[in-house]
């Protein structure tokens, strides 16, 4: 899990099974949060790009 998340192997490591479980849950939460943020940003940028590319119709 640590290798996949690229959080590194530092001097501070969780000890005990419950601490490891909490650490894994925090890493998974970070993945979910970053994925959601990247998706929201991508959707926003696509919407703005489409708005600027669409021909303006005079009213």
N, C-alpha and C. Protein backbone atom coordinates (compact mmCIF):
# COMPACT_ATOMS: atom_id res chain seq x y z
N UNK A 1 0.83 -1.19 0.00
CA UNK A 1 0.00 0.00 0.00
C UNK A 1 0.88 1.26 0.00
N UNK A 2 1.92 1.26 0.81
CA UNK A 2 2.79 2.43 0.89
C UNK A 2 3.50 2.67 -0.44
N UNK A 3 3.95 1.61 -1.09
CA UNK A 3 4.61 1.75 -2.37
C UNK A 3 3.65 2.28 -3.43
N UNK A 4 2.45 1.75 -3.46
CA UNK A 4 1.44 2.18 -4.41
C UNK A 4 1.09 3.65 -4.22
N UNK A 5 1.00 4.09 -2.98
CA UNK A 5 0.61 5.47 -2.68
C UNK A 5 1.78 6.44 -2.79
N UNK A 6 2.97 5.94 -2.92
CA UNK A 6 4.20 6.72 -2.99
C UNK A 6 4.32 7.71 -1.83
N UNK A 7 3.89 7.27 -0.66
CA UNK A 7 4.03 8.12 0.52
C UNK A 7 5.38 7.94 1.18
N UNK A 8 6.12 6.94 0.76
CA UNK A 8 7.49 6.79 1.21
C UNK A 8 7.63 5.89 2.42
N UNK A 9 8.86 5.58 2.69
CA UNK A 9 9.20 4.76 3.84
C UNK A 9 10.05 5.62 4.76
N UNK A 10 9.42 6.36 5.62
CA UNK A 10 10.15 7.30 6.47
C UNK A 10 10.46 6.73 7.83
N UNK A 11 10.95 7.59 8.68
CA UNK A 11 11.27 7.20 10.04
C UNK A 11 10.02 6.99 10.88
N UNK A 12 8.94 7.65 10.49
CA UNK A 12 7.70 7.53 11.25
C UNK A 12 6.86 6.43 10.58
N UNK A 13 6.63 5.36 11.31
CA UNK A 13 5.85 4.25 10.77
C UNK A 13 4.80 3.85 11.79
N UNK A 14 3.64 3.42 11.31
CA UNK A 14 2.62 2.96 12.24
C UNK A 14 3.02 1.65 12.89
N UNK A 15 2.76 1.51 14.15
CA UNK A 15 3.06 0.27 14.87
C UNK A 15 1.74 -0.33 15.34
N UNK A 16 1.61 -1.59 15.15
CA UNK A 16 0.38 -2.26 15.56
C UNK A 16 -0.60 -2.33 14.39
N UNK A 17 -1.47 -3.31 14.47
CA UNK A 17 -2.41 -3.53 13.37
C UNK A 17 -3.44 -2.41 13.23
N UNK A 18 -3.91 -1.86 14.34
CA UNK A 18 -4.91 -0.80 14.26
C UNK A 18 -4.31 0.47 13.66
N UNK A 19 -3.08 0.79 14.01
CA UNK A 19 -2.42 1.97 13.44
C UNK A 19 -2.17 1.78 11.95
N UNK A 20 -1.82 0.59 11.54
CA UNK A 20 -1.62 0.31 10.11
C UNK A 20 -2.94 0.42 9.35
N UNK A 21 -4.01 -0.06 9.96
CA UNK A 21 -5.32 0.04 9.32
C UNK A 21 -5.73 1.50 9.15
N UNK A 22 -5.52 2.30 10.16
CA UNK A 22 -5.84 3.73 10.07
C UNK A 22 -5.01 4.39 8.97
N UNK A 23 -3.75 4.04 8.88
CA UNK A 23 -2.88 4.60 7.85
C UNK A 23 -3.36 4.21 6.45
N UNK A 24 -3.73 2.95 6.29
CA UNK A 24 -4.24 2.51 4.99
C UNK A 24 -5.53 3.25 4.64
N UNK A 25 -6.41 3.43 5.61
CA UNK A 25 -7.66 4.16 5.36
C UNK A 25 -7.39 5.62 4.98
N UNK A 26 -6.41 6.22 5.62
CA UNK A 26 -6.05 7.60 5.28
C UNK A 26 -5.50 7.68 3.85
N UNK A 27 -4.69 6.73 3.46
CA UNK A 27 -4.14 6.71 2.10
C UNK A 27 -5.27 6.52 1.09
N UNK A 28 -6.18 5.59 1.35
CA UNK A 28 -7.31 5.37 0.45
C UNK A 28 -8.18 6.62 0.36
N UNK A 29 -8.43 7.27 1.48
CA UNK A 29 -9.21 8.51 1.48
C UNK A 29 -8.51 9.57 0.63
N UNK A 30 -7.21 9.65 0.73
CA UNK A 30 -6.46 10.62 -0.08
C UNK A 30 -6.60 10.32 -1.56
N UNK A 31 -6.54 9.04 -1.93
CA UNK A 31 -6.75 8.66 -3.33
C UNK A 31 -8.12 9.11 -3.81
N UNK A 32 -9.13 8.82 -3.01
CA UNK A 32 -10.50 9.17 -3.40
C UNK A 32 -10.65 10.68 -3.51
N UNK A 33 -10.12 11.42 -2.54
CA UNK A 33 -10.22 12.88 -2.55
C UNK A 33 -9.50 13.47 -3.76
N UNK A 34 -8.29 13.01 -4.02
CA UNK A 34 -7.53 13.54 -5.15
C UNK A 34 -8.18 13.19 -6.48
N UNK A 35 -8.75 12.00 -6.58
CA UNK A 35 -9.45 11.61 -7.80
C UNK A 35 -10.68 12.48 -8.01
N UNK A 36 -11.43 12.72 -6.96
CA UNK A 36 -12.62 13.58 -7.07
C UNK A 36 -12.23 15.01 -7.43
N UNK A 37 -11.18 15.52 -6.83
CA UNK A 37 -10.72 16.87 -7.14
C UNK A 37 -10.24 16.98 -8.59
N UNK A 38 -9.50 15.99 -9.05
CA UNK A 38 -9.02 16.01 -10.44
C UNK A 38 -10.19 15.90 -11.41
N UNK A 39 -11.19 15.10 -11.09
CA UNK A 39 -12.37 14.96 -11.94
C UNK A 39 -13.14 16.27 -12.00
N UNK A 40 -13.34 16.90 -10.87
CA UNK A 40 -14.06 18.17 -10.83
C UNK A 40 -13.32 19.24 -11.62
N UNK A 41 -12.01 19.31 -11.48
CA UNK A 41 -11.22 20.29 -12.21
C UNK A 41 -11.28 20.03 -13.71
N UNK A 42 -11.16 18.77 -14.10
CA UNK A 42 -11.23 18.41 -15.51
C UNK A 42 -12.59 18.77 -16.10
N UNK A 43 -13.65 18.46 -15.39
CA UNK A 43 -14.99 18.79 -15.87
C UNK A 43 -15.17 20.30 -16.01
N UNK A 44 -14.66 21.05 -15.05
CA UNK A 44 -14.76 22.51 -15.11
C UNK A 44 -13.99 23.05 -16.32
N UNK A 45 -12.79 22.55 -16.52
CA UNK A 45 -11.98 23.03 -17.65
C UNK A 45 -12.62 22.66 -18.98
N UNK A 46 -13.19 21.47 -19.08
CA UNK A 46 -13.88 21.08 -20.32
C UNK A 46 -15.07 21.98 -20.59
N UNK A 47 -15.84 22.28 -19.56
CA UNK A 47 -17.00 23.16 -19.72
C UNK A 47 -16.57 24.54 -20.19
N UNK A 48 -15.53 25.08 -19.57
CA UNK A 48 -15.04 26.40 -19.98
C UNK A 48 -14.50 26.38 -21.40
N UNK A 49 -13.81 25.33 -21.77
CA UNK A 49 -13.27 25.22 -23.12
C UNK A 49 -14.39 25.15 -24.15
N UNK A 50 -15.41 24.36 -23.87
CA UNK A 50 -16.56 24.28 -24.78
C UNK A 50 -17.28 25.61 -24.90
N UNK A 51 -17.37 26.34 -23.79
CA UNK A 51 -18.05 27.63 -23.80
C UNK A 51 -17.29 28.63 -24.68
N UNK A 52 -15.95 28.59 -24.61
CA UNK A 52 -15.15 29.51 -25.42
C UNK A 52 -15.08 29.10 -26.88
N UNK A 53 -15.21 27.81 -27.17
CA UNK A 53 -15.13 27.34 -28.55
C UNK A 53 -16.46 27.46 -29.29
N UNK A 54 -17.56 27.49 -28.57
CA UNK A 54 -18.86 27.52 -29.23
C UNK A 54 -19.06 28.87 -29.92
N UNK A 55 -19.65 28.85 -31.13
CA UNK A 55 -19.88 30.11 -31.84
C UNK A 55 -20.92 30.94 -31.11
N UNK A 56 -20.64 32.21 -31.04
CA UNK A 56 -21.58 33.13 -30.38
C UNK A 56 -22.67 33.52 -31.35
N UNK A 57 -23.90 33.33 -30.96
CA UNK A 57 -25.00 33.72 -31.81
C UNK A 57 -25.51 35.09 -31.39
N UNK A 58 -25.66 35.98 -32.34
CA UNK A 58 -26.20 37.30 -31.96
C UNK A 58 -27.68 37.14 -31.62
N UNK A 59 -28.10 37.85 -30.62
CA UNK A 59 -29.51 37.80 -30.21
C UNK A 59 -30.23 39.05 -30.58
